Amino acid sequence: MQIELVADGKWRCWSPSRQPDPAARVTIQSGSWFVRQKVFVLRIEKNDSGVSKIPPGMAYTFDVKSISPKTAIFIWPDGDRELKWTRVR
């Protein structure tokens, strides 16, 4: 899964392994993102995955553990796991 966060507060994700051309970046979900009080929110505005049943208007939320220019570490909602995102470009 690849997620692109844009400075204007928009995001989109795609899965190279679920499409014929891995370089195509066919969007699965998209929406807006923001951080409030150390909580990172990915609000879903469009869901084209056919796999995820999370409808537009819902959101993924993660507690922020740390953020640097190259890496962000979030706490998974169950509180037991960390999610590490690495900057690609």
C-alpha atoms as a PDB file:
ATOM      1  CA  MET A   1       0.000   0.000   0.000  1.00  0.00           C
ATOM      2  CA  GLN A   2       1.279   3.455  -0.925  1.00  0.00           C
ATOM      3  CA  ILE A   3      -0.158   6.657   0.545  1.00  0.00           C
ATOM      4  CA  GLU A   4       0.495  10.124  -0.793  1.00  0.00           C
ATOM      5  CA  LEU A   5      -0.039  13.110   1.515  1.00  0.00           C
ATOM      6  CA  VAL A   6      -0.192  16.485  -0.219  1.00  0.00           C
ATOM      7  CA  ALA A   7       0.554  19.807   1.477  1.00  0.00           C
ATOM      8  CA  ASP A   8      -2.969  21.098   0.706  1.00  0.00           C
ATOM      9  CA  GLY A   9      -4.411  18.545   3.161  1.00  0.00           C
ATOM     10  CA  LYS A  10      -5.425  15.941   0.566  1.00  0.00           C
ATOM     11  CA  TRP A  11      -4.367  12.279   0.461  1.00  0.00           C
ATOM     12  CA  ARG A  12      -4.801   9.250  -1.749  1.00  0.00           C
ATOM     13  CA  CYS A  13      -3.685   5.643  -1.613  1.00  0.00           C
ATOM     14  CA  TRP A  14      -3.122   2.852  -4.105  1.00  0.00           C
ATOM     15  CA  SER A  15      -1.840  -0.700  -4.053  1.00  0.00           C
ATOM     16  CA  PRO A  16       0.791  -1.566  -6.671  1.00  0.00           C
ATOM     17  CA  SER A  17       0.184  -5.279  -6.057  1.00  0.00           C
ATOM     18  CA  ARG A  18      -3.547  -4.999  -6.917  1.00  0.00           C
ATOM     19  CA  GLN A  19      -3.217  -3.492 -10.376  1.00  0.00           C
ATOM     20  CA  PRO A  20      -1.838  -4.770 -13.696  1.00  0.00           C
ATOM     21  CA  ASP A  21       0.699  -1.933 -13.972  1.00  0.00           C
ATOM     22  CA  PRO A  22       2.318  -1.282 -10.566  1.00  0.00           C
ATOM     23  CA  ALA A  23       3.445   2.177 -11.716  1.00  0.00           C
ATOM     24  CA  ALA A  24      -0.101   3.298 -12.637  1.00  0.00           C
ATOM     25  CA  ARG A  25      -1.134   4.572  -9.163  1.00  0.00           C
ATOM     26  CA  VAL A  26      -4.829   3.728  -9.548  1.00  0.00           C
ATOM     27  CA  THR A  27      -6.436   5.390  -6.529  1.00  0.00           C
ATOM     28  CA  ILE A  28      -8.236   3.121  -4.074  1.00  0.00           C
ATOM     29  CA  GLN A  29      -9.201   5.740  -1.483  1.00  0.00           C
ATOM     30  CA  SER A  30      -8.762   9.485  -1.183  1.00  0.00           C
ATOM     31  CA  GLY A  31      -9.774  12.338   1.035  1.00  0.00           C
ATOM     32  CA  SER A  32      -8.393  14.940   3.405  1.00  0.00           C
ATOM     33  CA  TRP A  33      -5.882  14.662   6.231  1.00  0.00           C
ATOM     34  CA  PHE A  34      -5.034  16.694   9.312  1.00  0.00           C
ATOM     35  CA  VAL A  35      -3.409  16.453  12.740  1.00  0.00           C
ATOM     36  CA  ARG A  36      -5.132  17.667  15.918  1.00  0.00           C
ATOM     37  CA  GLN A  37      -3.823  17.207  19.444  1.00  0.00           C
ATOM     38  CA  LYS A  38      -1.340  14.488  18.396  1.00  0.00           C
ATOM     39  CA  VAL A  39      -4.010  12.549  16.475  1.00  0.00           C
ATOM     40  CA  PHE A  40      -3.424  11.970  12.740  1.00  0.00           C
ATOM     41  CA  VAL A  41      -6.700  11.731  10.794  1.00  0.00           C
ATOM     42  CA  LEU A  42      -7.247  10.407   7.264  1.00  0.00           C
ATOM     43  CA  ARG A  43     -10.825  11.344   6.384  1.00  0.00           C
ATOM     44  CA  ILE A  44     -12.247   9.253   3.550  1.00  0.00           C
ATOM     45  CA  GLU A  45     -14.026  11.214   0.842  1.00  0.00           C
ATOM     46  CA  LYS A  46     -13.879   8.621  -1.944  1.00  0.00           C
ATOM     47  CA  ASN A  47     -13.583   4.823  -1.746  1.00  0.00           C
ATOM     48  CA  ASP A  48     -13.086   2.886  -4.971  1.00  0.00           C
ATOM     49  CA  SER A  49     -11.465  -0.215  -3.501  1.00  0.00           C
ATOM     50  CA  GLY A  50     -14.360  -2.658  -3.558  1.00  0.00           C
ATOM     51  CA  VAL A  51     -12.495  -4.328  -0.686  1.00  0.00           C
ATOM     52  CA  SER A  52     -12.783  -1.817   2.144  1.00  0.00           C
ATOM     53  CA  LYS A  53     -16.307  -1.300   3.412  1.00  0.00           C
ATOM     54  CA  ILE A  54     -15.431   2.020   5.052  1.00  0.00           C
ATOM     55  CA  PRO A  55     -17.753   4.591   3.459  1.00  0.00           C
ATOM     56  CA  PRO A  56     -17.004   8.227   2.645  1.00  0.00           C
ATOM     57  CA  GLY A  57     -17.334  10.439   5.712  1.00  0.00           C
ATOM     58  CA  MET A  58     -15.570   7.936   7.990  1.00  0.00           C
ATOM     59  CA  ALA A  59     -11.903   8.263   8.978  1.00  0.00           C
ATOM     60  CA  TYR A  60      -8.801   6.378   9.984  1.00  0.00           C
ATOM     61  CA  THR A  61      -7.225   7.812  13.139  1.00  0.00           C
ATOM     62  CA  PHE A  62      -3.809   7.183  14.654  1.00  0.00           C
ATOM     63  CA  ASP A  63      -2.067   8.590  17.730  1.00  0.00           C
ATOM     64  CA  VAL A  64       1.192  10.292  16.763  1.00  0.00           C
ATOM     65  CA  LYS A  65       4.294   8.874  18.444  1.00  0.00           C
ATOM     66  CA  SER A  66       6.915  10.820  16.469  1.00  0.00           C
ATOM     67  CA  ILE A  67       7.381  12.634  13.174  1.00  0.00           C
ATOM     68  CA  SER A  68      10.613  13.586  11.424  1.00  0.00           C
ATOM     69  CA  PRO A  69      11.254  14.799   7.865  1.00  0.00           C
ATOM     70  CA  LYS A  70      11.756  11.179   6.706  1.00  0.00           C
ATOM     71  CA  THR A  71       9.679   9.016   9.054  1.00  0.00           C
ATOM     72  CA  ALA A  72       6.398   9.123  10.935  1.00  0.00           C
ATOM     73  CA  ILE A  73       5.522   6.625  13.649  1.00  0.00           C
ATOM     74  CA  PHE A  74       1.893   6.196  14.672  1.00  0.00           C
ATOM     75  CA  ILE A  75       0.250   4.029  17.293  1.00  0.00           C
ATOM     76  CA  TRP A  76      -2.263   1.602  15.782  1.00  0.00           C
ATOM     77  CA  PRO A  77      -5.784   2.171  17.214  1.00  0.00           C
ATOM     78  CA  ASP A  78      -5.577  -1.035  19.305  1.00  0.00           C
ATOM     79  CA  GLY A  79      -2.661   0.585  21.178  1.00  0.00           C
ATOM     80  CA  ASP A  80      -0.465  -2.505  20.866  1.00  0.00           C
ATOM     81  CA  ARG A  81       1.283  -1.893  17.545  1.00  0.00           C
ATOM     82  CA  GLU A  82       3.234   0.848  15.845  1.00  0.00           C
ATOM     83  CA  LEU A  83       2.781   1.874  12.234  1.00  0.00           C
ATOM     84  CA  LYS A  84       5.914   3.307  10.583  1.00  0.00           C
ATOM     85  CA  TRP A  85       5.636   5.404   7.440  1.00  0.00           C
ATOM     86  CA  THR A  86       8.746   6.293   5.469  1.00  0.00           C
ATOM     87  CA  ARG A  87       9.088   9.143   3.036  1.00  0.00           C
ATOM     88  CA  VAL A  88       9.701   7.863  -0.486  1.00  0.00           C
ATOM     89  CA  ARG A  89      10.519  11.075  -2.353  1.00  0.00           C
END
